Structure formats: C-alpha cells, structure tokens
Amino acid sequence: MAQPTIVTLPQRLEKAEALRGRPMTHRKASQAGKDERRAALGPAFSDLDLIERNGGAVGLDVEDILDAAAACWSAGRLAAGLGRSLPEIVPHDSTGLPMAIWW
C-alpha cells in the first residue's frame, strides 16, 4: 500500500522567504511587520487591500489574513510544480513519511 503524502504549508511569511528572497526583519504584529508582509505579498495578490478589508469586516485579524495569503501563495507554487522544501533534502520518519515544510 502506498504511503500517504502529507504536505504542510507554511502559514507564516517567515517560512516563505522566497516571497522576498530573504527573511522578514520585523515582528508580524508590529506595524512595520505588517507593512513588510504586505509588500512581500503585493506582487502575488493585486487585490490584497480588498482581501484585508473583507476579512477585517468579518472580524479577522490582519496577521491571520496575511498568514492565510502566504499559505495560498505556497499552495499556488506547489500546484504549479514550483514548490521547494525546507530542508531541501527531505528526511523521512521511521514509517517513511517525508518530514519537510513545502512552500
């Protein structure tokens, strides 16, 4: 029987550094951190401000909205065959399941 494939998408932009090519420098809860994350996500989401407004209108926190957008960005990369893993050489657990974060 084939082993199931379990894919974990990073929901924090700190793990999806490919958006910027380098790590985030500010805490995500700070205004500078929110602005940094918006700037990183902007090229992938031309309507990010609309997504934030609609999410805020139903009570979602900005940090959660930006984290969800990063997860969607990662899912899109994986669906397009552009995903990468952390670590690059994927280890497996004792049952053979891959142990990596994909983005």
PDB file of N, CA and C in Angstrom:
ATOM      1  N   MET A   1       0.851  -1.175   0.000  1.00  0.00           N
ATOM      2  CA  MET A   1       0.000   0.000   0.000  1.00  0.00           C
ATOM      3  C   MET A   1       0.895   1.236   0.000  1.00  0.00           C
ATOM      4  N   ALA A   2       0.569   2.227  -0.806  1.00  0.00           N
ATOM      5  CA  ALA A   2       1.364   3.454  -0.912  1.00  0.00           C
ATOM      6  C   ALA A   2       1.202   4.304   0.341  1.00  0.00           C
ATOM      7  N   GLN A   3       2.294   4.956   0.715  1.00  0.00           N
ATOM      8  CA  GLN A   3       2.264   5.877   1.851  1.00  0.00           C
ATOM      9  C   GLN A   3       1.533   7.152   1.438  1.00  0.00           C
ATOM     10  N   PRO A   4       0.729   7.716   2.338  1.00  0.00           N
ATOM     11  CA  PRO A   4       0.077   8.987   2.003  1.00  0.00           C
ATOM     12  C   PRO A   4       1.118  10.102   1.973  1.00  0.00           C
ATOM     13  N   THR A   5       0.868  11.095   1.156  1.00  0.00           N
ATOM     14  CA  THR A   5       1.721  12.275   1.129  1.00  0.00           C
ATOM     15  C   THR A   5       1.054  13.353   1.955  1.00  0.00           C
ATOM     16  N   ILE A   6       1.772  13.862   2.923  1.00  0.00           N
ATOM     17  CA  ILE A   6       1.257  14.914   3.788  1.00  0.00           C
ATOM     18  C   ILE A   6       2.062  16.166   3.479  1.00  0.00           C
ATOM     19  N   VAL A   7       1.386  17.207   3.075  1.00  0.00           N
ATOM     20  CA  VAL A   7       2.047  18.462   2.758  1.00  0.00           C
ATOM     21  C   VAL A   7       1.629  19.498   3.785  1.00  0.00           C
ATOM     22  N   THR A   8       2.594  20.121   4.421  1.00  0.00           N
ATOM     23  CA  THR A   8       2.328  21.199   5.361  1.00  0.00           C
ATOM     24  C   THR A   8       2.748  22.502   4.720  1.00  0.00           C
ATOM     25  N   LEU A   9       1.816  23.416   4.602  1.00  0.00           N
ATOM     26  CA  LEU A   9       2.123  24.721   4.031  1.00  0.00           C
ATOM     27  C   LEU A   9       2.471  25.687   5.153  1.00  0.00           C
ATOM     28  N   PRO A  10       3.504  26.499   4.953  1.00  0.00           N
ATOM     29  CA  PRO A  10       3.810  27.486   5.989  1.00  0.00           C
ATOM     30  C   PRO A  10       2.729  28.550   6.016  1.00  0.00           C
ATOM     31  N   GLN A  11       2.244  28.868   7.208  1.00  0.00           N
ATOM     32  CA  GLN A  11       1.240  29.912   7.312  1.00  0.00           C
ATOM     33  C   GLN A  11       1.851  31.190   7.853  1.00  0.00           C
ATOM     34  N   ARG A  12       3.133  31.208   7.951  1.00  0.00           N
ATOM     35  CA  ARG A  12       3.823  32.412   8.387  1.00  0.00           C
ATOM     36  C   ARG A  12       4.818  32.790   7.308  1.00  0.00           C
ATOM     37  N   LEU A  13       4.845  34.053   7.001  1.00  0.00           N
ATOM     38  CA  LEU A  13       5.717  34.505   5.929  1.00  0.00           C
ATOM     39  C   LEU A  13       7.191  34.294   6.246  1.00  0.00           C
ATOM     40  N   GLU A  14       7.531  34.192   7.521  1.00  0.00           N
ATOM     41  CA  GLU A  14       8.926  33.967   7.866  1.00  0.00           C
ATOM     42  C   GLU A  14       9.443  32.679   7.224  1.00  0.00           C
ATOM     43  N   LYS A  15       8.567  31.704   7.025  1.00  0.00           N
ATOM     44  CA  LYS A  15       8.955  30.427   6.414  1.00  0.00           C
ATOM     45  C   LYS A  15       8.875  30.474   4.896  1.00  0.00           C
ATOM     46  N   ALA A  16       8.161  31.429   4.359  1.00  0.00           N
ATOM     47  CA  ALA A  16       8.035  31.548   2.906  1.00  0.00           C
ATOM     48  C   ALA A  16       8.928  32.682   2.422  1.00  0.00           C
ATOM     49  N   GLU A  17      10.204  32.572   2.717  1.00  0.00           N
ATOM     50  CA  GLU A  17      11.151  33.640   2.427  1.00  0.00           C
ATOM     51  C   GLU A  17      11.304  33.903   0.943  1.00  0.00           C
ATOM     52  N   ALA A  18      10.889  32.985   0.109  1.00  0.00           N
ATOM     53  CA  ALA A  18      11.023  33.171  -1.328  1.00  0.00           C
ATOM     54  C   ALA A  18      10.218  34.366  -1.817  1.00  0.00           C
ATOM     55  N   LEU A  19       9.241  34.786  -1.049  1.00  0.00           N
ATOM     56  CA  LEU A  19       8.488  35.973  -1.426  1.00  0.00           C
ATOM     57  C   LEU A  19       9.409  37.184  -1.537  1.00  0.00           C
ATOM     58  N   ARG A  20      10.430  37.229  -0.702  1.00  0.00           N
ATOM     59  CA  ARG A  20      11.348  38.363  -0.697  1.00  0.00           C
ATOM     60  C   ARG A  20      12.769  37.963  -1.042  1.00  0.00           C
ATOM     61  N   GLY A  21      13.076  36.685  -0.916  1.00  0.00           N
ATOM     62  CA  GLY A  21      14.441  36.246  -1.136  1.00  0.00           C
ATOM     63  C   GLY A  21      15.307  36.385   0.104  1.00  0.00           C
ATOM     64  N   ARG A  22      14.710  36.804   1.193  1.00  0.00           N
ATOM     65  CA  ARG A  22      15.417  36.930   2.468  1.00  0.00           C
ATOM     66  C   ARG A  22      14.387  36.932   3.598  1.00  0.00           C
ATOM     67  N   PRO A  23      14.821  36.669   4.826  1.00  0.00           N
ATOM     68  CA  PRO A  23      13.865  36.612   5.940  1.00  0.00           C
ATOM     69  C   PRO A  23      13.204  37.964   6.223  1.00  0.00           C
ATOM     70  N   MET A  24      12.048  37.902   6.835  1.00  0.00           N
ATOM     71  CA  MET A  24      11.388  39.111   7.299  1.00  0.00           C
ATOM     72  C   MET A  24      12.212  39.682   8.458  1.00  0.00           C
ATOM     73  N   THR A  25      12.200  40.994   8.608  1.00  0.00           N
ATOM     74  CA  THR A  25      13.033  41.610   9.638  1.00  0.00           C
ATOM     75  C   THR A  25      12.240  42.165  10.810  1.00  0.00           C
ATOM     76  N   HIS A  26      10.924  42.266  10.669  1.00  0.00           N
ATOM     77  CA  HIS A  26      10.098  42.842  11.733  1.00  0.00           C
ATOM     78  C   HIS A  26       9.088  41.818  12.248  1.00  0.00           C
ATOM     79  N   ARG A  27       8.734  41.968  13.525  1.00  0.00           N
ATOM     80  CA  ARG A  27       7.699  41.106  14.098  1.00  0.00           C
ATOM     81  C   ARG A  27       6.381  41.322  13.348  1.00  0.00           C
ATOM     82  N   LYS A  28       5.673  40.241  13.090  1.00  0.00           N
ATOM     83  CA  LYS A  28       4.466  40.358  12.271  1.00  0.00           C
ATOM     84  C   LYS A  28       3.372  41.181  12.931  1.00  0.00           C
ATOM     85  N   ALA A  29       3.353  41.282  14.260  1.00  0.00           N
ATOM     86  CA  ALA A  29       2.319  42.051  14.945  1.00  0.00           C
ATOM     87  C   ALA A  29       2.603  43.557  14.922  1.00  0.00           C
ATOM     88  N   SER A  30       3.842  43.952  14.627  1.00  0.00           N
ATOM     89  CA  SER A  30       4.174  45.376  14.588  1.00  0.00           C
ATOM     90  C   SER A  30       3.683  45.982  13.278  1.00  0.00           C
ATOM     91  N   GLN A  31       3.496  47.298  13.268  1.00  0.00           N
ATOM     92  CA  GLN A  31       3.067  47.955  12.036  1.00  0.00           C
ATOM     93  C   GLN A  31       4.103  47.760  10.931  1.00  0.00           C
ATOM     94  N   ALA A  32       5.388  47.862  11.289  1.00  0.00           N
ATOM     95  CA  ALA A  32       6.446  47.646  10.289  1.00  0.00           C
ATOM     96  C   ALA A  32       6.397  46.220   9.755  1.00  0.00           C
ATOM     97  N   GLY A  33       6.092  45.253  10.622  1.00  0.00           N
ATOM     98  CA  GLY A  33       5.977  43.856  10.197  1.00  0.00           C
ATOM     99  C   GLY A  33       4.806  43.639   9.251  1.00  0.00           C
ATOM    100  N   LYS A  34       3.675  44.266   9.554  1.00  0.00           N
ATOM    101  CA  LYS A  34       2.504  44.155   8.671  1.00  0.00           C
ATOM    102  C   LYS A  34       2.812  44.780   7.312  1.00  0.00           C
ATOM    103  N   ASP A  35       3.456  45.947   7.339  1.00  0.00           N
ATOM    104  CA  ASP A  35       3.801  46.615   6.080  1.00  0.00           C
ATOM    105  C   ASP A  35       4.796  45.785   5.272  1.00  0.00           C
ATOM    106  N   GLU A  36       5.755  45.179   5.963  1.00  0.00           N
ATOM    107  CA  GLU A  36       6.750  44.340   5.292  1.00  0.00           C
ATOM    108  C   GLU A  36       6.083  43.143   4.613  1.00  0.00           C
ATOM    109  N   ARG A  37       5.148  42.544   5.290  1.00  0.00           N
ATOM    110  CA  ARG A  37       4.448  41.385   4.753  1.00  0.00           C
ATOM    111  C   ARG A  37       3.526  41.774   3.596  1.00  0.00           C
ATOM    112  N   ARG A  38       2.874  42.932   3.736  1.00  0.00           N
ATOM    113  CA  ARG A  38       2.051  43.424   2.623  1.00  0.00           C
ATOM    114  C   ARG A  38       2.906  43.641   1.375  1.00  0.00           C
ATOM    115  N   ALA A  39       4.071  44.236   1.568  1.00  0.00           N
ATOM    116  CA  ALA A  39       4.963  44.494   0.433  1.00  0.00           C
ATOM    117  C   ALA A  39       5.412  43.190  -0.216  1.00  0.00           C
ATOM    118  N   ALA A  40       5.657  42.152   0.598  1.00  0.00           N
ATOM    119  CA  ALA A  40       6.085  40.862   0.061  1.00  0.00           C
ATOM    120  C   ALA A  40       4.952  40.170  -0.694  1.00  0.00           C
ATOM    121  N   LEU A  41       3.740  40.285  -0.179  1.00  0.00           N
ATOM    122  CA  LEU A  41       2.595  39.609  -0.798  1.00  0.00           C
ATOM    123  C   LEU A  41       1.991  40.376  -1.963  1.00  0.00           C
ATOM    124  N   GLY A  42       2.196  41.671  -2.000  1.00  0.00           N
ATOM    125  CA  GLY A  42       1.581  42.511  -3.016  1.00  0.00           C
ATOM    126  C   GLY A  42       1.729  42.028  -4.445  1.00  0.00           C
ATOM    127  N   PRO A  43       2.944  41.644  -4.872  1.00  0.00           N
ATOM    128  CA  PRO A  43       3.083  41.195  -6.260  1.00  0.00           C
ATOM    129  C   PRO A  43       2.255  39.946  -6.595  1.00  0.00           C
ATOM    130  N   ALA A  44       1.979  39.114  -5.601  1.00  0.00           N
ATOM    131  CA  ALA A  44       1.207  37.893  -5.839  1.00  0.00           C
ATOM    132  C   ALA A  44      -0.300  38.126  -5.692  1.00  0.00           C
ATOM    133  N   PHE A  45      -0.680  39.186  -5.006  1.00  0.00           N
ATOM    134  CA  PHE A  45      -2.094  39.464  -4.722  1.00  0.00           C
ATOM    135  C   PHE A  45      -2.392  40.927  -5.031  1.00  0.00           C
ATOM    136  N   SER A  46      -2.779  41.214  -6.246  1.00  0.00           N
ATOM    137  CA  SER A  46      -3.050  42.595  -6.636  1.00  0.00           C
ATOM    138  C   SER A  46      -4.219  43.196  -5.860  1.00  0.00           C
ATOM    139  N   ASP A  47      -5.067  42.355  -5.304  1.00  0.00           N
ATOM    140  CA  ASP A  47      -6.231  42.825  -4.541  1.00  0.00           C
ATOM    141  C   ASP A  47      -6.072  42.572  -3.044  1.00  0.00           C
ATOM    142  N   LEU A  48      -4.836  42.604  -2.546  1.00  0.00           N
ATOM    143  CA  LEU A  48      -4.583  42.313  -1.129  1.00  0.00           C
ATOM    144  C   LEU A  48      -5.325  43.281  -0.223  1.00  0.00           C
ATOM    145  N   ASP A  49      -5.406  44.549  -0.586  1.00  0.00           N
ATOM    146  CA  ASP A  49      -6.122  45.500   0.262  1.00  0.00           C
ATOM    147  C   ASP A  49      -7.606  45.149   0.361  1.00  0.00           C
ATOM    148  N   LEU A  50      -8.192  44.680  -0.723  1.00  0.00           N
ATOM    149  CA  LEU A  50      -9.587  44.243  -0.702  1.00  0.00           C
ATOM    150  C   LEU A  50      -9.749  42.997   0.177  1.00  0.00           C
ATOM    151  N   ILE A  51      -8.817  42.073   0.066  1.00  0.00           N
ATOM    152  CA  ILE A  51      -8.849  40.864   0.892  1.00  0.00           C
ATOM    153  C   ILE A  51      -8.770  41.253   2.367  1.00  0.00           C
ATOM    154  N   GLU A  52      -7.891  42.186   2.691  1.00  0.00           N
ATOM    155  CA  GLU A  52      -7.772  42.644   4.087  1.00  0.00           C
ATOM    156  C   GLU A  52      -9.050  43.325   4.562  1.00  0.00           C
ATOM    157  N   ARG A  53      -9.608  44.204   3.742  1.00  0.00           N
ATOM    158  CA  ARG A  53     -10.841  44.906   4.137  1.00  0.00           C
ATOM    159  C   ARG A  53     -11.977  43.918   4.375  1.00  0.00           C
ATOM    160  N   ASN A  54     -12.157  42.969   3.446  1.00  0.00           N
ATOM    161  CA  ASN A  54     -13.246  41.993   3.598  1.00  0.00           C
ATOM    162  C   ASN A  54     -13.029  41.107   4.816  1.00  0.00           C
ATOM    163  N   GLY A  55     -11.797  40.691   5.034  1.00  0.00           N
ATOM    164  CA  GLY A  55     -11.502  39.875   6.209  1.00  0.00           C
ATOM    165  C   GLY A  55     -11.721  40.641   7.499  1.00  0.00           C
ATOM    166  N   GLY A  56     -11.268  41.902   7.513  1.00  0.00           N
ATOM    167  CA  GLY A  56     -11.472  42.737   8.692  1.00  0.00           C
ATOM    168  C   GLY A  56     -12.945  42.977   8.986  1.00  0.00           C
ATOM    169  N   ALA A  57     -13.740  43.073   7.927  1.00  0.00           N
ATOM    170  CA  ALA A  57     -15.177  43.311   8.089  1.00  0.00           C
ATOM    171  C   ALA A  57     -15.877  42.169   8.803  1.00  0.00           C
ATOM    172  N   VAL A  58     -15.303  40.969   8.743  1.00  0.00           N
ATOM    173  CA  VAL A  58     -15.913  39.827   9.437  1.00  0.00           C
ATOM    174  C   VAL A  58     -15.128  39.460  10.696  1.00  0.00           C
ATOM    175  N   GLY A  59     -14.229  40.366  11.130  1.00  0.00           N
ATOM    176  CA  GLY A  59     -13.565  40.190  12.409  1.00  0.00           C
ATOM    177  C   GLY A  59     -12.235  39.463  12.390  1.00  0.00           C
ATOM    178  N   LEU A  60     -11.657  39.244  11.212  1.00  0.00           N
ATOM    179  CA  LEU A  60     -10.361  38.569  11.158  1.00  0.00           C
ATOM    180  C   LEU A  60      -9.235  39.543  11.456  1.00  0.00           C
ATOM    181  N   ASP A  61      -8.210  39.077  12.164  1.00  0.00           N
ATOM    182  CA  ASP A  61      -7.031  39.891  12.444  1.00  0.00           C
ATOM    183  C   ASP A  61      -6.173  40.001  11.194  1.00  0.00           C
ATOM    184  N   VAL A  62      -5.533  41.147  11.027  1.00  0.00           N
ATOM    185  CA  VAL A  62      -4.669  41.375   9.866  1.00  0.00           C
ATOM    186  C   VAL A  62      -3.583  40.307   9.779  1.00  0.00           C
ATOM    187  N   GLU A  63      -2.989  39.945  10.926  1.00  0.00           N
ATOM    188  CA  GLU A  63      -1.923  38.935  10.911  1.00  0.00           C
ATOM    189  C   GLU A  63      -2.426  37.609  10.354  1.00  0.00           C
ATOM    190  N   ASP A  64      -3.651  37.235  10.724  1.00  0.00           N
ATOM    191  CA  ASP A  64      -4.226  35.977  10.230  1.00  0.00           C
ATOM    192  C   ASP A  64      -4.525  36.059   8.734  1.00  0.00           C
ATOM    193  N   ILE A  65      -4.983  37.207   8.283  1.00  0.00           N
ATOM    194  CA  ILE A  65      -5.262  37.383   6.852  1.00  0.00           C
ATOM    195  C   ILE A  65      -3.975  37.265   6.050  1.00  0.00           C
ATOM    196  N   LEU A  66      -2.908  37.916   6.523  1.00  0.00           N
ATOM    197  CA  LEU A  66      -1.627  37.864   5.815  1.00  0.00           C
ATOM    198  C   LEU A  66      -1.032  36.462   5.861  1.00  0.00           C
ATOM    199  N   ASP A  67      -1.177  35.767   6.990  1.00  0.00           N
ATOM    200  CA  ASP A  67      -0.710  34.379   7.075  1.00  0.00           C
ATOM    201  C   ASP A  67      -1.468  33.491   6.088  1.00  0.00           C
ATOM    202  N   ALA A  68      -2.793  33.691   5.984  1.00  0.00           N
ATOM    203  CA  ALA A  68      -3.593  32.891   5.046  1.00  0.00           C
ATOM    204  C   ALA A  68      -3.189  33.187   3.605  1.00  0.00           C
ATOM    205  N   ALA A  69      -2.896  34.442   3.309  1.00  0.00           N
ATOM    206  CA  ALA A  69      -2.446  34.789   1.952  1.00  0.00           C
ATOM    207  C   ALA A  69      -1.114  34.100   1.649  1.00  0.00           C
ATOM    208  N   ALA A  70      -0.219  34.034   2.632  1.00  0.00           N
ATOM    209  CA  ALA A  70       1.057  33.341   2.424  1.00  0.00           C
ATOM    210  C   ALA A  70       0.832  31.858   2.172  1.00  0.00           C
ATOM    211  N   ALA A  71      -0.123  31.259   2.882  1.00  0.00           N
ATOM    212  CA  ALA A  71      -0.442  29.843   2.661  1.00  0.00           C
ATOM    213  C   ALA A  71      -0.999  29.632   1.256  1.00  0.00           C
ATOM    214  N   CYS A  72      -1.832  30.565   0.789  1.00  0.00           N
ATOM    215  CA  CYS A  72      -2.371  30.465  -0.573  1.00  0.00           C
ATOM    216  C   CYS A  72      -1.255  30.600  -1.599  1.00  0.00           C
ATOM    217  N   TRP A  73      -0.326  31.506  -1.350  1.00  0.00           N
ATOM    218  CA  TRP A  73       0.825  31.682  -2.250  1.00  0.00           C
ATOM    219  C   TRP A  73       1.616  30.376  -2.339  1.00  0.00           C
ATOM    220  N   SER A  74       1.871  29.754  -1.179  1.00  0.00           N
ATOM    221  CA  SER A  74       2.602  28.490  -1.154  1.00  0.00           C
ATOM    222  C   SER A  74       1.839  27.405  -1.899  1.00  0.00           C
ATOM    223  N   ALA A  75       0.529  27.321  -1.687  1.00  0.00           N
ATOM    224  CA  ALA A  75      -0.283  26.308  -2.362  1.00  0.00           C
ATOM    225  C   ALA A  75      -0.239  26.500  -3.873  1.00  0.00           C
ATOM    226  N   GLY A  76      -0.273  27.736  -4.317  1.00  0.00           N
ATOM    227  CA  GLY A  76      -0.183  28.010  -5.742  1.00  0.00           C
ATOM    228  C   GLY A  76       1.138  27.567  -6.336  1.00  0.00           C
ATOM    229  N   ARG A  77       2.232  27.795  -5.609  1.00  0.00           N
ATOM    230  CA  ARG A  77       3.551  27.343  -6.062  1.00  0.00           C
ATOM    231  C   ARG A  77       3.579  25.825  -6.177  1.00  0.00           C
ATOM    232  N   LEU A  78       3.037  25.142  -5.188  1.00  0.00           N
ATOM    233  CA  LEU A  78       3.032  23.680  -5.216  1.00  0.00           C
ATOM    234  C   LEU A  78       2.184  23.169  -6.382  1.00  0.00           C
ATOM    235  N   ALA A  79       1.023  23.764  -6.580  1.00  0.00           N
ATOM    236  CA  ALA A  79       0.141  23.325  -7.673  1.00  0.00           C
ATOM    237  C   ALA A  79       0.788  23.551  -9.040  1.00  0.00           C
ATOM    238  N   ALA A  80       1.626  24.583  -9.137  1.00  0.00           N
ATOM    239  CA  ALA A  80       2.294  24.882 -10.410  1.00  0.00           C
ATOM    240  C   ALA A  80       3.598  24.109 -10.588  1.00  0.00           C
ATOM    241  N   GLY A  81       3.929  23.262  -9.615  1.00  0.00           N
ATOM    242  CA  GLY A  81       5.164  22.493  -9.694  1.00  0.00           C
ATOM    243  C   GLY A  81       6.408  23.294  -9.359  1.00  0.00           C
ATOM    244  N   LEU A  82       6.238  24.419  -8.667  1.00  0.00           N
ATOM    245  CA  LEU A  82       7.362  25.287  -8.318  1.00  0.00           C
ATOM    246  C   LEU A  82       7.748  25.208  -6.852  1.00  0.00           C
ATOM    247  N   GLY A  83       7.140  24.287  -6.109  1.00  0.00           N
ATOM    248  CA  GLY A  83       7.384  24.197  -4.681  1.00  0.00           C
ATOM    249  C   GLY A  83       8.811  23.804  -4.338  1.00  0.00           C
ATOM    250  N   ARG A  84       9.236  24.254  -3.178  1.00  0.00           N
ATOM    251  CA  ARG A  84      10.534  23.872  -2.623  1.00  0.00           C
ATOM    252  C   ARG A  84      10.307  23.414  -1.192  1.00  0.00           C
ATOM    253  N   SER A  85      11.253  22.657  -0.686  1.00  0.00           N
ATOM    254  CA  SER A  85      11.091  22.146   0.668  1.00  0.00           C
ATOM    255  C   SER A  85      12.142  22.713   1.608  1.00  0.00           C
ATOM    256  N   LEU A  86      11.805  22.704   2.872  1.00  0.00           N
ATOM    257  CA  LEU A  86      12.713  23.076   3.945  1.00  0.00           C
ATOM    258  C   LEU A  86      12.710  21.911   4.914  1.00  0.00           C
ATOM    259  N   PRO A  87      13.787  21.174   5.038  1.00  0.00           N
ATOM    260  CA  PRO A  87      15.074  21.318   4.366  1.00  0.00           C
ATOM    261  C   PRO A  87      14.989  20.854   2.908  1.00  0.00           C
ATOM    262  N   GLU A  88      16.009  21.237   2.134  1.00  0.00           N
ATOM    263  CA  GLU A  88      15.995  20.892   0.709  1.00  0.00           C
ATOM    264  C   GLU A  88      16.082  19.386   0.480  1.00  0.00           C
ATOM    265  N   ILE A  89      16.893  18.705   1.272  1.00  0.00           N
ATOM    266  CA  ILE A  89      16.956  17.237   1.207  1.00  0.00           C
ATOM    267  C   ILE A  89      15.990  16.733   2.268  1.00  0.00           C
ATOM    268  N   VAL A  90      14.902  16.147   1.818  1.00  0.00           N
ATOM    269  CA  VAL A  90      13.797  15.797   2.715  1.00  0.00           C
ATOM    270  C   VAL A  90      14.095  14.514   3.484  1.00  0.00           C
ATOM    271  N   PRO A  91      14.146  14.594   4.827  1.00  0.00           N
ATOM    272  CA  PRO A  91      14.287  13.374   5.623  1.00  0.00           C
ATOM    273  C   PRO A  91      12.939  12.673   5.744  1.00  0.00           C
ATOM    274  N   HIS A  92      12.968  11.426   6.148  1.00  0.00           N
ATOM    275  CA  HIS A  92      11.741  10.653   6.355  1.00  0.00           C
ATOM    276  C   HIS A  92      11.727  10.108   7.768  1.00  0.00           C
ATOM    277  N   ASP A  93      10.530   9.979   8.331  1.00  0.00           N
ATOM    278  CA  ASP A  93      10.432   9.412   9.666  1.00  0.00           C
ATOM    279  C   ASP A  93      10.541   7.887   9.590  1.00  0.00           C
ATOM    280  N   SER A  94      10.390   7.227  10.727  1.00  0.00           N
ATOM    281  CA  SER A  94      10.587   5.774  10.784  1.00  0.00           C
ATOM    282  C   SER A  94       9.562   4.997   9.973  1.00  0.00           C
ATOM    283  N   THR A  95       8.440   5.653   9.614  1.00  0.00           N
ATOM    284  CA  THR A  95       7.433   4.971   8.784  1.00  0.00           C
ATOM    285  C   THR A  95       7.570   5.322   7.306  1.00  0.00           C
ATOM    286  N   GLY A  96       8.542   6.169   6.984  1.00  0.00           N
ATOM    287  CA  GLY A  96       8.769   6.541   5.598  1.00  0.00           C
ATOM    288  C   GLY A  96       8.095   7.815   5.150  1.00  0.00           C
ATOM    289  N   LEU A  97       7.385   8.503   6.060  1.00  0.00           N
ATOM    290  CA  LEU A  97       6.724   9.763   5.690  1.00  0.00           C
ATOM    291  C   LEU A  97       7.749  10.884   5.569  1.00  0.00           C
ATOM    292  N   PRO A  98       7.629  11.718   4.543  1.00  0.00           N
ATOM    293  CA  PRO A  98       8.552  12.837   4.409  1.00  0.00           C
ATOM    294  C   PRO A  98       8.316  13.867   5.518  1.00  0.00           C
ATOM    295  N   MET A  99       9.392  14.438   6.011  1.00  0.00           N
ATOM    296  CA  MET A  99       9.327  15.400   7.121  1.00  0.00           C
ATOM    297  C   MET A  99       9.903  16.726   6.638  1.00  0.00           C
ATOM    298  N   ALA A 100       9.085  17.536   6.007  1.00  0.00           N
ATOM    299  CA  ALA A 100       9.543  18.815   5.477  1.00  0.00           C
ATOM    300  C   ALA A 100       8.381  19.795   5.400  1.00  0.00           C
ATOM    301  N   ILE A 101       8.722  21.043   5.356  1.00  0.00           N
ATOM    302  CA  ILE A 101       7.751  22.110   5.097  1.00  0.00           C
ATOM    303  C   ILE A 101       7.930  22.491   3.639  1.00  0.00           C
ATOM    304  N   TRP A 102       6.842  22.572   2.925  1.00  0.00           N
ATOM    305  CA  TRP A 102       6.896  22.913   1.494  1.00  0.00           C
ATOM    306  C   TRP A 102       6.330  24.299   1.274  1.00  0.00           C
ATOM    307  N   TRP A 103       6.974  25.017   0.396  1.00  0.00           N
ATOM    308  CA  TRP A 103       6.495  26.370   0.053  1.00  0.00           C
ATOM    309  C   TRP A 103       6.736  26.645  -1.398  1.00  0.00           C
TER     310      TRP A 103
END
